[in-house]
Amino acid sequence: MNIVFVFLTFFVWSTSFSLGKVALQASPPLFLTGFRMLLGGLILLAFLFLFRRKDLRIKKHHLFPLFLLSLSSVYI
């Protein structure tokens, strides 16, 4: 089973460069980066919602550090 994941990873990794070149011809780089981040965030939120629902709540003592991170444009 592990060899299947190795080949799947190889396939996804190798096609991403070709698809990236095609996508850059149709869209500006900043849009593609933002779309990638949005898509990744939505996938992570779906994962949290399905498997770790209790971790979706933001605690009060995390709000200020998250605010500071948002000001400095640092992604978690």
C-alpha atoms as a PDB file:
ATOM      1  CA  MET A   1       0.000   0.000   0.000  1.00  0.00           C
ATOM      2  CA  ASN A   2       2.871   2.393   0.710  1.00  0.00           C
ATOM      3  CA  ILE A   3       4.150   2.074  -2.850  1.00  0.00           C
ATOM      4  CA  VAL A   4       0.761   3.284  -4.115  1.00  0.00           C
ATOM      5  CA  PHE A   5       1.103   6.428  -2.008  1.00  0.00           C
ATOM      6  CA  VAL A   6       4.641   6.948  -3.297  1.00  0.00           C
ATOM      7  CA  PHE A   7       3.470   6.801  -6.915  1.00  0.00           C
ATOM      8  CA  LEU A   8       0.444   8.969  -6.163  1.00  0.00           C
ATOM      9  CA  THR A   9       2.699  11.578  -4.556  1.00  0.00           C
ATOM     10  CA  PHE A  10       5.071  11.407  -7.525  1.00  0.00           C
ATOM     11  CA  PHE A  11       2.192  11.882  -9.971  1.00  0.00           C
ATOM     12  CA  VAL A  12       0.658  14.838  -8.117  1.00  0.00           C
ATOM     13  CA  TRP A  13       4.036  16.510  -7.586  1.00  0.00           C
ATOM     14  CA  SER A  14       5.117  16.112 -11.214  1.00  0.00           C
ATOM     15  CA  THR A  15       1.859  17.358 -12.726  1.00  0.00           C
ATOM     16  CA  SER A  16       1.730  20.427 -10.488  1.00  0.00           C
ATOM     17  CA  PHE A  17       4.574  22.110 -12.399  1.00  0.00           C
ATOM     18  CA  SER A  18       2.932  21.563 -15.785  1.00  0.00           C
ATOM     19  CA  LEU A  19      -0.435  22.740 -14.511  1.00  0.00           C
ATOM     20  CA  GLY A  20       1.244  25.738 -12.881  1.00  0.00           C
ATOM     21  CA  LYS A  21       2.716  26.853 -16.193  1.00  0.00           C
ATOM     22  CA  VAL A  22      -0.664  26.613 -17.891  1.00  0.00           C
ATOM     23  CA  ALA A  23      -2.397  28.412 -15.019  1.00  0.00           C
ATOM     24  CA  LEU A  24       0.134  31.260 -15.099  1.00  0.00           C
ATOM     25  CA  GLN A  25      -0.764  31.925 -18.723  1.00  0.00           C
ATOM     26  CA  ALA A  26      -4.414  32.384 -17.776  1.00  0.00           C
ATOM     27  CA  SER A  27      -4.136  34.181 -14.409  1.00  0.00           C
ATOM     28  CA  PRO A  28      -1.751  36.514 -12.591  1.00  0.00           C
ATOM     29  CA  PRO A  29       0.624  34.940 -10.029  1.00  0.00           C
ATOM     30  CA  LEU A  30      -0.859  36.802  -7.052  1.00  0.00           C
ATOM     31  CA  PHE A  31      -4.335  35.473  -7.823  1.00  0.00           C
ATOM     32  CA  LEU A  32      -3.028  31.911  -8.100  1.00  0.00           C
ATOM     33  CA  THR A  33      -1.205  32.209  -4.776  1.00  0.00           C
ATOM     34  CA  GLY A  34      -4.296  33.572  -3.060  1.00  0.00           C
ATOM     35  CA  PHE A  35      -6.459  30.864  -4.591  1.00  0.00           C
ATOM     36  CA  ARG A  36      -4.004  28.180  -3.442  1.00  0.00           C
ATOM     37  CA  MET A  37      -4.059  29.533   0.111  1.00  0.00           C
ATOM     38  CA  LEU A  38      -7.860  29.755   0.099  1.00  0.00           C
ATOM     39  CA  LEU A  39      -8.215  26.215  -1.227  1.00  0.00           C
ATOM     40  CA  GLY A  40      -5.741  24.873   1.334  1.00  0.00           C
ATOM     41  CA  GLY A  41      -7.556  26.662   4.147  1.00  0.00           C
ATOM     42  CA  LEU A  42     -10.909  25.282   3.061  1.00  0.00           C
ATOM     43  CA  ILE A  43      -9.504  21.753   2.912  1.00  0.00           C
ATOM     44  CA  LEU A  44      -8.038  22.134   6.408  1.00  0.00           C
ATOM     45  CA  LEU A  45     -11.328  23.510   7.747  1.00  0.00           C
ATOM     46  CA  ALA A  46     -13.222  20.597   6.207  1.00  0.00           C
ATOM     47  CA  PHE A  47     -10.764  18.171   7.803  1.00  0.00           C
ATOM     48  CA  LEU A  48     -11.188  19.842  11.193  1.00  0.00           C
ATOM     49  CA  PHE A  49     -14.953  19.881  10.851  1.00  0.00           C
ATOM     50  CA  LEU A  50     -15.125  16.190   9.966  1.00  0.00           C
ATOM     51  CA  PHE A  51     -12.529  14.719  12.310  1.00  0.00           C
ATOM     52  CA  ARG A  52     -11.770  17.176  15.124  1.00  0.00           C
ATOM     53  CA  ARG A  53     -14.873  19.262  15.665  1.00  0.00           C
ATOM     54  CA  LYS A  54     -13.884  20.239  19.231  1.00  0.00           C
ATOM     55  CA  ASP A  55     -10.754  22.021  17.925  1.00  0.00           C
ATOM     56  CA  LEU A  56     -12.769  24.505  15.842  1.00  0.00           C
ATOM     57  CA  ARG A  57     -13.337  26.886  18.759  1.00  0.00           C
ATOM     58  CA  ILE A  58     -10.870  29.733  19.177  1.00  0.00           C
ATOM     59  CA  LYS A  59     -10.025  30.380  22.804  1.00  0.00           C
ATOM     60  CA  LYS A  60      -9.963  33.939  24.156  1.00  0.00           C
ATOM     61  CA  HIS A  61      -6.275  33.856  25.032  1.00  0.00           C
ATOM     62  CA  HIS A  62      -5.467  33.015  21.378  1.00  0.00           C
ATOM     63  CA  LEU A  63      -7.194  36.083  19.919  1.00  0.00           C
ATOM     64  CA  PHE A  64      -4.444  38.631  20.575  1.00  0.00           C
ATOM     65  CA  PRO A  65      -1.588  36.477  19.180  1.00  0.00           C
ATOM     66  CA  LEU A  66      -3.722  35.688  16.115  1.00  0.00           C
ATOM     67  CA  PHE A  67      -4.387  39.402  15.675  1.00  0.00           C
ATOM     68  CA  LEU A  68      -0.650  40.137  15.810  1.00  0.00           C
ATOM     69  CA  LEU A  69       0.042  37.390  13.277  1.00  0.00           C
ATOM     70  CA  SER A  70      -2.579  38.814  10.937  1.00  0.00           C
ATOM     71  CA  LEU A  71      -0.946  42.254  11.128  1.00  0.00           C
ATOM     72  CA  SER A  72       2.437  40.859  10.159  1.00  0.00           C
ATOM     73  CA  SER A  73       0.999  38.651   7.374  1.00  0.00           C
ATOM     74  CA  VAL A  74       2.374  35.462   8.908  1.00  0.00           C
ATOM     75  CA  TYR A  75       0.501  32.268   8.086  1.00  0.00           C
ATOM     76  CA  ILE A  76       0.126  29.458  10.582  1.00  0.00           C
END
